[in-house]
Structure formats: structure tokens, C-alpha cells
Amino acid sequence: MFSPQGPSLRELCVQALSSVERGYDFLAPKFDHTPFRTPDNVLDATVQALSVAGPFDRGLDVCCGTGAGLTVLEKVCRERVTGVDFSAGMLGKAHSAVPGATLVRADARALPFAGGSTWR
């Protein structure tokens, strides 16, 4: 189920018994080697579908995790892509994956944007 680079059973248990924020911070370095990451074929299909409707000026990925979805938005947006996640660890990996993205640490239930104009 997991690749050799993925988390061990012990690491998954620690993650599961941690708070949501701390658990994802802990799992972030190995998250892309788990089946929980959005598969590449889904990302590729999303690029194809959005390319038909786009290009777009800006894109927002809520709960961006390690940035897999941001790589899609980067391909279909002309200006800025923004990722939001609660986990600083996940945002650190997202920054490595998509250095040009604007990353915001926030709870998805209380996004820090007003009227869509403040995240330009």
C-alpha cells in the first residue's frame, strides 16, 4: 500500500494519535509517498479539464497539503496561485513543490480572505 519512502506503521499511529495540526506536520515529509496524496492521473485529468475552461487569472487551493493541486493551478493560471492549509509542515512541502505560490496558514473553516479581492 505504501512505498518504502512512505511512513511506517509506527509513524502513522503517532500521526493518528496527534492533534490534526501536529499530525499533518508530522506526516508532511512522507505524505507524497502515501495513497492519501492525489494521484498523478487525477491531477493530469484535472489539468486537461481546466485547460478547456481556462486560462484563469488566479487560483485558490484550499487544504493544499504538500502542493499537488497547486502544480495543477500553476499550469492553468496566468497570474497567482494561492494555497491554504492548517499545517505548517504541509505548507513547507508545498513551498518546495511550488516556490512561486502564495501560501497561507489558516483553517479552511475560517479563511482570511474578504470578497475575493484581498488575496491578489
PDB file of N, CA and C in Angstrom:
ATOM      1  N   MET A   1       0.822  -1.192   0.000  1.00  0.00           N
ATOM      2  CA  MET A   1       0.000   0.000   0.000  1.00  0.00           C
ATOM      3  C   MET A   1       0.866   1.255   0.000  1.00  0.00           C
ATOM      4  N   PHE A   2       1.936   1.267   0.741  1.00  0.00           N
ATOM      5  CA  PHE A   2       2.825   2.417   0.826  1.00  0.00           C
ATOM      6  C   PHE A   2       4.134   2.075   0.146  1.00  0.00           C
ATOM      7  N   SER A   3       4.805   3.093  -0.321  1.00  0.00           N
ATOM      8  CA  SER A   3       6.125   2.879  -0.900  1.00  0.00           C
ATOM      9  C   SER A   3       7.144   2.798   0.238  1.00  0.00           C
ATOM     10  N   PRO A   4       8.338   2.315  -0.040  1.00  0.00           N
ATOM     11  CA  PRO A   4       9.372   2.265   1.003  1.00  0.00           C
ATOM     12  C   PRO A   4       9.718   3.646   1.567  1.00  0.00           C
ATOM     13  N   GLN A   5       9.458   4.706   0.797  1.00  0.00           N
ATOM     14  CA  GLN A   5       9.737   6.062   1.268  1.00  0.00           C
ATOM     15  C   GLN A   5       8.618   6.617   2.143  1.00  0.00           C
ATOM     16  N   GLY A   6       7.509   5.908   2.204  1.00  0.00           N
ATOM     17  CA  GLY A   6       6.350   6.371   2.964  1.00  0.00           C
ATOM     18  C   GLY A   6       6.512   6.150   4.454  1.00  0.00           C
ATOM     19  N   PRO A   7       5.522   6.585   5.214  1.00  0.00           N
ATOM     20  CA  PRO A   7       5.602   6.461   6.664  1.00  0.00           C
ATOM     21  C   PRO A   7       5.473   5.009   7.124  1.00  0.00           C
ATOM     22  N   SER A   8       6.107   4.704   8.240  1.00  0.00           N
ATOM     23  CA  SER A   8       5.998   3.383   8.836  1.00  0.00           C
ATOM     24  C   SER A   8       4.677   3.272   9.597  1.00  0.00           C
ATOM     25  N   LEU A   9       4.331   2.070  10.016  1.00  0.00           N
ATOM     26  CA  LEU A   9       3.122   1.875  10.807  1.00  0.00           C
ATOM     27  C   LEU A   9       3.205   2.686  12.102  1.00  0.00           C
ATOM     28  N   ARG A  10       4.358   2.706  12.724  1.00  0.00           N
ATOM     29  CA  ARG A  10       4.541   3.486  13.949  1.00  0.00           C
ATOM     30  C   ARG A  10       4.300   4.974  13.672  1.00  0.00           C
ATOM     31  N   GLU A  11       4.852   5.490  12.579  1.00  0.00           N
ATOM     32  CA  GLU A  11       4.665   6.907  12.244  1.00  0.00           C
ATOM     33  C   GLU A  11       3.195   7.224  11.988  1.00  0.00           C
ATOM     34  N   LEU A  12       2.478   6.310  11.344  1.00  0.00           N
ATOM     35  CA  LEU A  12       1.048   6.520  11.110  1.00  0.00           C
ATOM     36  C   LEU A  12       0.264   6.504  12.421  1.00  0.00           C
ATOM     37  N   CYS A  13       0.669   5.663  13.355  1.00  0.00           N
ATOM     38  CA  CYS A  13      -0.001   5.632  14.665  1.00  0.00           C
ATOM     39  C   CYS A  13       0.235   6.933  15.418  1.00  0.00           C
ATOM     40  N   VAL A  14       1.467   7.430  15.388  1.00  0.00           N
ATOM     41  CA  VAL A  14       1.762   8.706  16.045  1.00  0.00           C
ATOM     42  C   VAL A  14       0.927   9.813  15.405  1.00  0.00           C
ATOM     43  N   GLN A  15       0.853   9.809  14.088  1.00  0.00           N
ATOM     44  CA  GLN A  15       0.067  10.819  13.373  1.00  0.00           C
ATOM     45  C   GLN A  15      -1.396  10.719  13.767  1.00  0.00           C
ATOM     46  N   ALA A  16      -1.918   9.520  13.823  1.00  0.00           N
ATOM     47  CA  ALA A  16      -3.335   9.334  14.133  1.00  0.00           C
ATOM     48  C   ALA A  16      -3.675   9.766  15.559  1.00  0.00           C
ATOM     49  N   LEU A  17      -2.730   9.620  16.466  1.00  0.00           N
ATOM     50  CA  LEU A  17      -2.984   9.965  17.866  1.00  0.00           C
ATOM     51  C   LEU A  17      -2.638  11.411  18.200  1.00  0.00           C
ATOM     52  N   SER A  18      -2.175  12.139  17.217  1.00  0.00           N
ATOM     53  CA  SER A  18      -1.815  13.542  17.414  1.00  0.00           C
ATOM     54  C   SER A  18      -3.007  14.436  17.100  1.00  0.00           C
ATOM     55  N   SER A  19      -2.895  15.705  17.453  1.00  0.00           N
ATOM     56  CA  SER A  19      -3.898  16.667  17.015  1.00  0.00           C
ATOM     57  C   SER A  19      -3.851  16.730  15.496  1.00  0.00           C
ATOM     58  N   VAL A  20      -4.885  17.243  14.886  1.00  0.00           N
ATOM     59  CA  VAL A  20      -4.916  17.324  13.422  1.00  0.00           C
ATOM     60  C   VAL A  20      -3.708  18.099  12.910  1.00  0.00           C
ATOM     61  N   GLU A  21      -3.491  19.270  13.474  1.00  0.00           N
ATOM     62  CA  GLU A  21      -2.376  20.108  13.020  1.00  0.00           C
ATOM     63  C   GLU A  21      -1.045  19.392  13.217  1.00  0.00           C
ATOM     64  N   ARG A  22      -0.774  18.918  14.410  1.00  0.00           N
ATOM     65  CA  ARG A  22       0.501  18.250  14.702  1.00  0.00           C
ATOM     66  C   ARG A  22       0.641  16.969  13.898  1.00  0.00           C
ATOM     67  N   GLY A  23      -0.454  16.242  13.710  1.00  0.00           N
ATOM     68  CA  GLY A  23      -0.408  15.002  12.940  1.00  0.00           C
ATOM     69  C   GLY A  23       0.020  15.238  11.498  1.00  0.00           C
ATOM     70  N   TYR A  24      -0.539  16.254  10.878  1.00  0.00           N
ATOM     71  CA  TYR A  24      -0.149  16.550   9.498  1.00  0.00           C
ATOM     72  C   TYR A  24       1.252  17.141   9.418  1.00  0.00           C
ATOM     73  N   ASP A  25       1.636  17.920  10.420  1.00  0.00           N
ATOM     74  CA  ASP A  25       3.027  18.406  10.461  1.00  0.00           C
ATOM     75  C   ASP A  25       3.980  17.215  10.498  1.00  0.00           C
ATOM     76  N   PHE A  26       3.642  16.226  11.309  1.00  0.00           N
ATOM     77  CA  PHE A  26       4.478  15.038  11.461  1.00  0.00           C
ATOM     78  C   PHE A  26       4.532  14.225  10.166  1.00  0.00           C
ATOM     79  N   LEU A  27       3.408  14.098   9.486  1.00  0.00           N
ATOM     80  CA  LEU A  27       3.317  13.267   8.280  1.00  0.00           C
ATOM     81  C   LEU A  27       3.831  13.970   7.022  1.00  0.00           C
ATOM     82  N   ALA A  28       3.923  15.278   7.050  1.00  0.00           N
ATOM     83  CA  ALA A  28       4.256  16.060   5.850  1.00  0.00           C
ATOM     84  C   ALA A  28       5.483  15.562   5.076  1.00  0.00           C
ATOM     85  N   PRO A  29       6.610  15.261   5.723  1.00  0.00           N
ATOM     86  CA  PRO A  29       7.788  14.853   4.944  1.00  0.00           C
ATOM     87  C   PRO A  29       7.583  13.599   4.096  1.00  0.00           C
ATOM     88  N   LYS A  30       6.647  12.740   4.481  1.00  0.00           N
ATOM     89  CA  LYS A  30       6.440  11.491   3.746  1.00  0.00           C
ATOM     90  C   LYS A  30       5.055  11.399   3.096  1.00  0.00           C
ATOM     91  N   PHE A  31       4.267  12.448   3.209  1.00  0.00           N
ATOM     92  CA  PHE A  31       2.884  12.413   2.733  1.00  0.00           C
ATOM     93  C   PHE A  31       2.777  12.057   1.245  1.00  0.00           C
ATOM     94  N   ASP A  32       3.667  12.570   0.430  1.00  0.00           N
ATOM     95  CA  ASP A  32       3.585  12.317  -1.013  1.00  0.00           C
ATOM     96  C   ASP A  32       3.848  10.857  -1.378  1.00  0.00           C
ATOM     97  N   HIS A  33       4.311  10.068  -0.419  1.00  0.00           N
ATOM     98  CA  HIS A  33       4.566   8.642  -0.650  1.00  0.00           C
ATOM     99  C   HIS A  33       3.484   7.777  -0.022  1.00  0.00           C
ATOM    100  N   THR A  34       2.319   8.371   0.203  1.00  0.00           N
ATOM    101  CA  THR A  34       1.177   7.632   0.745  1.00  0.00           C
ATOM    102  C   THR A  34       0.057   7.620  -0.292  1.00  0.00           C
ATOM    103  N   PRO A  35      -0.911   6.720  -0.123  1.00  0.00           N
ATOM    104  CA  PRO A  35      -2.053   6.715  -1.044  1.00  0.00           C
ATOM    105  C   PRO A  35      -3.020   7.877  -0.791  1.00  0.00           C
ATOM    106  N   PHE A  36      -2.734   8.702   0.211  1.00  0.00           N
ATOM    107  CA  PHE A  36      -3.613   9.823   0.519  1.00  0.00           C
ATOM    108  C   PHE A  36      -3.357  11.022  -0.386  1.00  0.00           C
ATOM    109  N   ARG A  37      -2.200  11.080  -1.016  1.00  0.00           N
ATOM    110  CA  ARG A  37      -1.897  12.165  -1.954  1.00  0.00           C
ATOM    111  C   ARG A  37      -2.749  11.950  -3.208  1.00  0.00           C
ATOM    112  N   THR A  38      -3.214  13.038  -3.779  1.00  0.00           N
ATOM    113  CA  THR A  38      -3.997  12.941  -5.011  1.00  0.00           C
ATOM    114  C   THR A  38      -3.139  12.292  -6.094  1.00  0.00           C
ATOM    115  N   PRO A  39      -3.616  11.222  -6.712  1.00  0.00           N
ATOM    116  CA  PRO A  39      -2.825  10.511  -7.726  1.00  0.00           C
ATOM    117  C   PRO A  39      -2.536  11.379  -8.958  1.00  0.00           C
ATOM    118  N   ASP A  40      -1.395  11.123  -9.571  1.00  0.00           N
ATOM    119  CA  ASP A  40      -0.990  11.890 -10.753  1.00  0.00           C
ATOM    120  C   ASP A  40      -2.011  11.819 -11.880  1.00  0.00           C
ATOM    121  N   ASN A  41      -2.646  10.660 -12.076  1.00  0.00           N
ATOM    122  CA  ASN A  41      -3.619  10.571 -13.175  1.00  0.00           C
ATOM    123  C   ASN A  41      -4.828  11.485 -12.919  1.00  0.00           C
ATOM    124  N   VAL A  42      -5.201  11.681 -11.667  1.00  0.00           N
ATOM    125  CA  VAL A  42      -6.288  12.609 -11.333  1.00  0.00           C
ATOM    126  C   VAL A  42      -5.828  14.052 -11.564  1.00  0.00           C
ATOM    127  N   LEU A  43      -4.597  14.352 -11.173  1.00  0.00           N
ATOM    128  CA  LEU A  43      -4.053  15.697 -11.401  1.00  0.00           C
ATOM    129  C   LEU A  43      -3.970  15.996 -12.897  1.00  0.00           C
ATOM    130  N   ASP A  44      -3.499  15.018 -13.686  1.00  0.00           N
ATOM    131  CA  ASP A  44      -3.391  15.207 -15.140  1.00  0.00           C
ATOM    132  C   ASP A  44      -4.763  15.432 -15.773  1.00  0.00           C
ATOM    133  N   ALA A  45      -5.759  14.664 -15.344  1.00  0.00           N
ATOM    134  CA  ALA A  45      -7.118  14.832 -15.877  1.00  0.00           C
ATOM    135  C   ALA A  45      -7.680  16.198 -15.487  1.00  0.00           C
ATOM    136  N   THR A  46      -7.322  16.668 -14.306  1.00  0.00           N
ATOM    137  CA  THR A  46      -7.787  17.986 -13.862  1.00  0.00           C
ATOM    138  C   THR A  46      -7.173  19.086 -14.703  1.00  0.00           C
ATOM    139  N   VAL A  47      -5.895  18.958 -15.022  1.00  0.00           N
ATOM    140  CA  VAL A  47      -5.238  19.935 -15.905  1.00  0.00           C
ATOM    141  C   VAL A  47      -5.951  19.968 -17.250  1.00  0.00           C
ATOM    142  N   GLN A  48      -6.246  18.805 -17.800  1.00  0.00           N
ATOM    143  CA  GLN A  48      -6.930  18.748 -19.099  1.00  0.00           C
ATOM    144  C   GLN A  48      -8.302  19.403 -19.025  1.00  0.00           C
ATOM    145  N   ALA A  49      -9.071  19.101 -17.994  1.00  0.00           N
ATOM    146  CA  ALA A  49     -10.418  19.664 -17.872  1.00  0.00           C
ATOM    147  C   ALA A  49     -10.369  21.176 -17.668  1.00  0.00           C
ATOM    148  N   LEU A  50      -9.467  21.641 -16.821  1.00  0.00           N
ATOM    149  CA  LEU A  50      -9.375  23.086 -16.575  1.00  0.00           C
ATOM    150  C   LEU A  50      -8.800  23.838 -17.768  1.00  0.00           C
ATOM    151  N   SER A  51      -7.954  23.187 -18.531  1.00  0.00           N
ATOM    152  CA  SER A  51      -7.367  23.841 -19.705  1.00  0.00           C
ATOM    153  C   SER A  51      -8.433  24.200 -20.729  1.00  0.00           C
ATOM    154  N   VAL A  52      -9.453  23.405 -20.828  1.00  0.00           N
ATOM    155  CA  VAL A  52     -10.556  23.680 -21.749  1.00  0.00           C
ATOM    156  C   VAL A  52     -11.308  24.939 -21.317  1.00  0.00           C
ATOM    157  N   ALA A  53     -11.489  25.111 -20.019  1.00  0.00           N
ATOM    158  CA  ALA A  53     -12.236  26.254 -19.498  1.00  0.00           C
ATOM    159  C   ALA A  53     -11.370  27.496 -19.301  1.00  0.00           C
ATOM    160  N   GLY A  54     -10.075  27.317 -19.167  1.00  0.00           N
ATOM    161  CA  GLY A  54      -9.163  28.425 -18.841  1.00  0.00           C
ATOM    162  C   GLY A  54      -8.587  29.049 -20.083  1.00  0.00           C
ATOM    163  N   PRO A  55      -7.537  29.812 -19.945  1.00  0.00           N
ATOM    164  CA  PRO A  55      -6.772  30.001 -18.717  1.00  0.00           C
ATOM    165  C   PRO A  55      -7.483  30.944 -17.747  1.00  0.00           C
ATOM    166  N   PHE A  56      -7.058  30.849 -16.491  1.00  0.00           N
ATOM    167  CA  PHE A  56      -7.625  31.657 -15.417  1.00  0.00           C
ATOM    168  C   PHE A  56      -6.579  32.664 -14.949  1.00  0.00           C
ATOM    169  N   ASP A  57      -7.025  33.741 -14.335  1.00  0.00           N
ATOM    170  CA  ASP A  57      -6.075  34.703 -13.783  1.00  0.00           C
ATOM    171  C   ASP A  57      -5.433  34.158 -12.515  1.00  0.00           C
ATOM    172  N   ARG A  58      -6.277  33.734 -11.566  1.00  0.00           N
ATOM    173  CA  ARG A  58      -5.786  33.277 -10.268  1.00  0.00           C
ATOM    174  C   ARG A  58      -6.462  31.972  -9.879  1.00  0.00           C
ATOM    175  N   GLY A  59      -5.800  31.247  -8.968  1.00  0.00           N
ATOM    176  CA  GLY A  59      -6.383  30.010  -8.473  1.00  0.00           C
ATOM    177  C   GLY A  59      -6.151  29.871  -6.986  1.00  0.00           C
ATOM    178  N   LEU A  60      -7.082  29.218  -6.299  1.00  0.00           N
ATOM    179  CA  LEU A  60      -7.002  29.002  -4.867  1.00  0.00           C
ATOM    180  C   LEU A  60      -7.185  27.522  -4.576  1.00  0.00           C
ATOM    181  N   ASP A  61      -6.243  26.945  -3.855  1.00  0.00           N
ATOM    182  CA  ASP A  61      -6.317  25.557  -3.429  1.00  0.00           C
ATOM    183  C   ASP A  61      -6.496  25.544  -1.913  1.00  0.00           C
ATOM    184  N   VAL A  62      -7.694  25.201  -1.459  1.00  0.00           N
ATOM    185  CA  VAL A  62      -7.993  25.138  -0.038  1.00  0.00           C
ATOM    186  C   VAL A  62      -7.625  23.735   0.455  1.00  0.00           C
ATOM    187  N   CYS A  63      -6.911  23.669   1.554  1.00  0.00           N
ATOM    188  CA  CYS A  63      -6.355  22.417   2.088  1.00  0.00           C
ATOM    189  C   CYS A  63      -5.337  21.861   1.093  1.00  0.00           C
ATOM    190  N   CYS A  64      -4.382  22.697   0.728  1.00  0.00           N
ATOM    191  CA  CYS A  64      -3.437  22.385  -0.346  1.00  0.00           C
ATOM    192  C   CYS A  64      -2.425  21.305   0.009  1.00  0.00           C
ATOM    193  N   GLY A  65      -2.271  20.981   1.278  1.00  0.00           N
ATOM    194  CA  GLY A  65      -1.331  19.934   1.652  1.00  0.00           C
ATOM    195  C   GLY A  65       0.063  20.220   1.128  1.00  0.00           C
ATOM    196  N   THR A  66       0.656  19.232   0.489  1.00  0.00           N
ATOM    197  CA  THR A  66       2.030  19.362   0.002  1.00  0.00           C
ATOM    198  C   THR A  66       2.138  20.041  -1.360  1.00  0.00           C
ATOM    199  N   GLY A  67       1.017  20.479  -1.917  1.00  0.00           N
ATOM    200  CA  GLY A  67       1.058  21.276  -3.134  1.00  0.00           C
ATOM    201  C   GLY A  67       0.738  20.572  -4.432  1.00  0.00           C
ATOM    202  N   ALA A  68       0.257  19.348  -4.380  1.00  0.00           N
ATOM    203  CA  ALA A  68      -0.051  18.627  -5.621  1.00  0.00           C
ATOM    204  C   ALA A  68      -1.052  19.389  -6.479  1.00  0.00           C
ATOM    205  N   GLY A  69      -2.103  19.912  -5.860  1.00  0.00           N
ATOM    206  CA  GLY A  69      -3.108  20.685  -6.602  1.00  0.00           C
ATOM    207  C   GLY A  69      -2.578  22.020  -7.078  1.00  0.00           C
ATOM    208  N   LEU A  70      -1.635  22.578  -6.339  1.00  0.00           N
ATOM    209  CA  LEU A  70      -1.030  23.849  -6.756  1.00  0.00           C
ATOM    210  C   LEU A  70      -0.263  23.684  -8.062  1.00  0.00           C
ATOM    211  N   THR A  71       0.320  22.508  -8.274  1.00  0.00           N
ATOM    212  CA  THR A  71       1.033  22.275  -9.534  1.00  0.00           C
ATOM    213  C   THR A  71       0.059  22.306 -10.709  1.00  0.00           C
ATOM    214  N   VAL A  72      -1.183  21.868 -10.473  1.00  0.00           N
ATOM    215  CA  VAL A  72      -2.230  21.942 -11.500  1.00  0.00           C
ATOM    216  C   VAL A  72      -2.588  23.397 -11.766  1.00  0.00           C
ATOM    217  N   LEU A  73      -2.854  24.139 -10.690  1.00  0.00           N
ATOM    218  CA  LEU A  73      -3.244  25.539 -10.849  1.00  0.00           C
ATOM    219  C   LEU A  73      -2.157  26.355 -11.531  1.00  0.00           C
ATOM    220  N   GLU A  74      -0.921  26.029 -11.238  1.00  0.00           N
ATOM    221  CA  GLU A  74       0.194  26.747 -11.853  1.00  0.00           C
ATOM    222  C   GLU A  74       0.175  26.614 -13.380  1.00  0.00           C
ATOM    223  N   LYS A  75      -0.334  25.500 -13.867  1.00  0.00           N
ATOM    224  CA  LYS A  75      -0.383  25.249 -15.313  1.00  0.00           C
ATOM    225  C   LYS A  75      -1.542  25.954 -16.002  1.00  0.00           C
ATOM    226  N   VAL A  76      -2.582  26.304 -15.239  1.00  0.00           N
ATOM    227  CA  VAL A  76      -3.782  26.876 -15.867  1.00  0.00           C
ATOM    228  C   VAL A  76      -4.067  28.315 -15.447  1.00  0.00           C
ATOM    229  N   CYS A  77      -3.222  28.878 -14.590  1.00  0.00           N
ATOM    230  CA  CYS A  77      -3.432  30.259 -14.125  1.00  0.00           C
ATOM    231  C   CYS A  77      -2.313  31.163 -14.629  1.00  0.00           C
ATOM    232  N   ARG A  78      -2.696  32.340 -15.105  1.00  0.00           N
ATOM    233  CA  ARG A  78      -1.724  33.286 -15.658  1.00  0.00           C
ATOM    234  C   ARG A  78      -1.001  34.091 -14.588  1.00  0.00           C
ATOM    235  N   GLU A  79      -1.674  34.379 -13.508  1.00  0.00           N
ATOM    236  CA  GLU A  79      -1.101  35.286 -12.517  1.00  0.00           C
ATOM    237  C   GLU A  79      -0.654  34.534 -11.273  1.00  0.00           C
ATOM    238  N   ARG A  80      -1.486  34.446 -10.299  1.00  0.00           N
ATOM    239  CA  ARG A  80      -1.090  33.937  -8.987  1.00  0.00           C
ATOM    240  C   ARG A  80      -1.883  32.699  -8.605  1.00  0.00           C
ATOM    241  N   VAL A  81      -1.190  31.789  -7.931  1.00  0.00           N
ATOM    242  CA  VAL A  81      -1.866  30.670  -7.294  1.00  0.00           C
ATOM    243  C   VAL A  81      -1.604  30.775  -5.791  1.00  0.00           C
ATOM    244  N   THR A  82      -2.640  30.455  -5.032  1.00  0.00           N
ATOM    245  CA  THR A  82      -2.567  30.546  -3.577  1.00  0.00           C
ATOM    246  C   THR A  82      -3.000  29.220  -2.988  1.00  0.00           C
ATOM    247  N   GLY A  83      -2.253  28.786  -1.995  1.00  0.00           N
ATOM    248  CA  GLY A  83      -2.596  27.573  -1.268  1.00  0.00           C
ATOM    249  C   GLY A  83      -2.850  27.891   0.188  1.00  0.00           C
ATOM    250  N   VAL A  84      -3.865  27.256   0.756  1.00  0.00           N
ATOM    251  CA  VAL A  84      -4.211  27.441   2.160  1.00  0.00           C
ATOM    252  C   VAL A  84      -4.164  26.076   2.838  1.00  0.00           C
ATOM    253  N   ASP A  85      -3.519  26.017   3.992  1.00  0.00           N
ATOM    254  CA  ASP A  85      -3.516  24.784   4.776  1.00  0.00           C
ATOM    255  C   ASP A  85      -3.325  25.127   6.244  1.00  0.00           C
ATOM    256  N   PHE A  86      -3.783  24.250   7.114  1.00  0.00           N
ATOM    257  CA  PHE A  86      -3.683  24.427   8.556  1.00  0.00           C
ATOM    258  C   PHE A  86      -2.306  23.996   9.073  1.00  0.00           C
ATOM    259  N   SER A  87      -1.631  23.126   8.326  1.00  0.00           N
ATOM    260  CA  SER A  87      -0.378  22.526   8.760  1.00  0.00           C
ATOM    261  C   SER A  87       0.837  23.272   8.212  1.00  0.00           C
ATOM    262  N   ALA A  88       1.663  23.758   9.117  1.00  0.00           N
ATOM    263  CA  ALA A  88       2.904  24.421   8.696  1.00  0.00           C
ATOM    264  C   ALA A  88       3.824  23.434   7.990  1.00  0.00           C
ATOM    265  N   GLY A  89       3.822  22.185   8.420  1.00  0.00           N
ATOM    266  CA  GLY A  89       4.644  21.165   7.767  1.00  0.00           C
ATOM    267  C   GLY A  89       4.228  20.927   6.327  1.00  0.00           C
ATOM    268  N   MET A  90       2.929  20.848   6.095  1.00  0.00           N
ATOM    269  CA  MET A  90       2.427  20.667   4.728  1.00  0.00           C
ATOM    270  C   MET A  90       2.753  21.886   3.872  1.00  0.00           C
ATOM    271  N   LEU A  91       2.598  23.075   4.439  1.00  0.00           N
ATOM    272  CA  LEU A  91       2.921  24.288   3.675  1.00  0.00           C
ATOM    273  C   LEU A  91       4.406  24.348   3.328  1.00  0.00           C
ATOM    274  N   GLY A  92       5.257  23.849   4.214  1.00  0.00           N
ATOM    275  CA  GLY A  92       6.687  23.801   3.904  1.00  0.00           C
ATOM    276  C   GLY A  92       6.966  22.925   2.695  1.00  0.00           C
ATOM    277  N   LYS A  93       6.296  21.777   2.623  1.00  0.00           N
ATOM    278  CA  LYS A  93       6.447  20.897   1.448  1.00  0.00           C
ATOM    279  C   LYS A  93       5.832  21.550   0.212  1.00  0.00           C
ATOM    280  N   ALA A  94       4.721  22.239   0.369  1.00  0.00           N
ATOM    281  CA  ALA A  94       4.090  22.924  -0.765  1.00  0.00           C
ATOM    282  C   ALA A  94       5.009  24.006  -1.309  1.00  0.00           C
ATOM    283  N   HIS A  95       5.686  24.701  -0.426  1.00  0.00           N
ATOM    284  CA  HIS A  95       6.631  25.735  -0.870  1.00  0.00           C
ATOM    285  C   HIS A  95       7.755  25.123  -1.699  1.00  0.00           C
ATOM    286  N   SER A  96       8.233  23.955  -1.307  1.00  0.00           N
ATOM    287  CA  SER A  96       9.275  23.270  -2.089  1.00  0.00           C
ATOM    288  C   SER A  96       8.749  22.840  -3.453  1.00  0.00           C
ATOM    289  N   ALA A  97       7.492  22.404  -3.500  1.00  0.00           N
ATOM    290  CA  ALA A  97       6.905  21.922  -4.751  1.00  0.00           C
ATOM    291  C   ALA A  97       6.554  23.056  -5.705  1.00  0.00           C
ATOM    292  N   VAL A  98       6.083  24.177  -5.163  1.00  0.00           N
ATOM    293  CA  VAL A  98       5.624  25.305  -5.978  1.00  0.00           C
ATOM    294  C   VAL A  98       6.132  26.591  -5.325  1.00  0.00           C
ATOM    295  N   PRO A  99       7.419  26.904  -5.518  1.00  0.00           N
ATOM    296  CA  PRO A  99       8.009  28.056  -4.828  1.00  0.00           C
ATOM    297  C   PRO A  99       7.348  29.390  -5.148  1.00  0.00           C
ATOM    298  N   GLY A 100       6.710  29.517  -6.293  1.00  0.00           N
ATOM    299  CA  GLY A 100       6.089  30.776  -6.670  1.00  0.00           C
ATOM    300  C   GLY A 100       4.700  30.993  -6.112  1.00  0.00           C
ATOM    301  N   ALA A 101       4.148  29.982  -5.447  1.00  0.00           N
ATOM    302  CA  ALA A 101       2.790  30.104  -4.912  1.00  0.00           C
ATOM    303  C   ALA A 101       2.783  30.953  -3.645  1.00  0.00           C
ATOM    304  N   THR A 102       1.680  31.640  -3.446  1.00  0.00           N
ATOM    305  CA  THR A 102       1.442  32.322  -2.176  1.00  0.00           C
ATOM    306  C   THR A 102       0.824  31.289  -1.250  1.00  0.00           C
ATOM    307  N   LEU A 103       1.402  31.120  -0.073  1.00  0.00           N
ATOM    308  CA  LEU A 103       0.915  30.117   0.863  1.00  0.00           C
ATOM    309  C   LEU A 103       0.427  30.793   2.135  1.00  0.00           C
ATOM    310  N   VAL A 104      -0.740  30.365   2.592  1.00  0.00           N
ATOM    311  CA  VAL A 104      -1.377  30.976   3.752  1.00  0.00           C
ATOM    312  C   VAL A 104      -1.704  29.872   4.758  1.00  0.00           C
ATOM    313  N   ARG A 105      -1.254  30.066   5.987  1.00  0.00           N
ATOM    314  CA  ARG A 105      -1.595  29.110   7.042  1.00  0.00           C
ATOM    315  C   ARG A 105      -2.900  29.576   7.676  1.00  0.00           C
ATOM    316  N   ALA A 106      -3.947  28.757   7.500  1.00  0.00           N
ATOM    317  CA  ALA A 106      -5.261  29.126   8.013  1.00  0.00           C
ATOM    318  C   ALA A 106      -6.141  27.890   8.084  1.00  0.00           C
ATOM    319  N   ASP A 107      -7.185  28.005   8.878  1.00  0.00           N
ATOM    320  CA  ASP A 107      -8.207  26.980   8.990  1.00  0.00           C
ATOM    321  C   ASP A 107      -9.175  27.156   7.817  1.00  0.00           C
ATOM    322  N   ALA A 108      -9.463  26.090   7.114  1.00  0.00           N
ATOM    323  CA  ALA A 108     -10.362  26.165   5.955  1.00  0.00           C
ATOM    324  C   ALA A 108     -11.764  26.609   6.342  1.00  0.00           C
ATOM    325  N   ARG A 109     -12.123  26.469   7.604  1.00  0.00           N
ATOM    326  CA  ARG A 109     -13.455  26.878   8.057  1.00  0.00           C
ATOM    327  C   ARG A 109     -13.538  28.372   8.335  1.00  0.00           C
ATOM    328  N   ALA A 110     -12.385  29.043   8.312  1.00  0.00           N
ATOM    329  CA  ALA A 110     -12.349  30.488   8.581  1.00  0.00           C
ATOM    330  C   ALA A 110     -11.265  31.117   7.722  1.00  0.00           C
ATOM    331  N   LEU A 111     -11.487  31.129   6.429  1.00  0.00           N
ATOM    332  CA  LEU A 111     -10.478  31.658   5.506  1.00  0.00           C
ATOM    333  C   LEU A 111     -10.271  33.155   5.719  1.00  0.00           C
ATOM    334  N   PRO A 112      -9.033  33.597   5.635  1.00  0.00           N
ATOM    335  CA  PRO A 112      -8.718  35.011   5.917  1.00  0.00           C
ATOM    336  C   PRO A 112      -8.854  35.927   4.708  1.00  0.00           C
ATOM    337  N   PHE A 113      -9.772  35.622   3.813  1.00  0.00           N
ATOM    338  CA  PHE A 113      -9.965  36.425   2.614  1.00  0.00           C
ATOM    339  C   PHE A 113     -11.337  37.085   2.662  1.00  0.00           C
ATOM    340  N   ALA A 114     -11.412  38.296   2.184  1.00  0.00           N
ATOM    341  CA  ALA A 114     -12.692  39.008   2.173  1.00  0.00           C
ATOM    342  C   ALA A 114     -13.046  39.403   0.744  1.00  0.00           C
ATOM    343  N   GLY A 115     -14.155  38.948   0.275  1.00  0.00           N
ATOM    344  CA  GLY A 115     -14.653  39.359  -1.029  1.00  0.00           C
ATOM    345  C   GLY A 115     -13.810  38.933  -2.211  1.00  0.00           C
ATOM    346  N   GLY A 116     -12.832  38.058  -2.011  1.00  0.00           N
ATOM    347  CA  GLY A 116     -12.009  37.560  -3.106  1.00  0.00           C
ATOM    348  C   GLY A 116     -10.954  38.520  -3.596  1.00  0.00           C
ATOM    349  N   SER A 117     -10.996  39.778  -3.145  1.00  0.00           N
ATOM    350  CA  SER A 117     -10.044  40.753  -3.678  1.00  0.00           C
ATOM    351  C   SER A 117      -8.777  40.861  -2.851  1.00  0.00           C
ATOM    352  N   THR A 118      -8.782  40.372  -1.623  1.00  0.00           N
ATOM    353  CA  THR A 118      -7.615  40.552  -0.767  1.00  0.00           C
ATOM    354  C   THR A 118      -6.532  39.525  -0.972  1.00  0.00           C
ATOM    355  N   TRP A 119      -6.776  38.524  -1.794  1.00  0.00           N
ATOM    356  CA  TRP A 119      -5.736  37.501  -1.991  1.00  0.00           C
ATOM    357  C   TRP A 119      -5.045  37.631  -3.342  1.00  0.00           C
ATOM    358  N   ARG A 120      -5.073  38.794  -3.912  1.00  0.00           N
ATOM    359  CA  ARG A 120      -4.403  39.018  -5.192  1.00  0.00           C
ATOM    360  C   ARG A 120      -2.922  38.877  -5.077  1.00  0.00           C
TER     361      ARG A 120
END
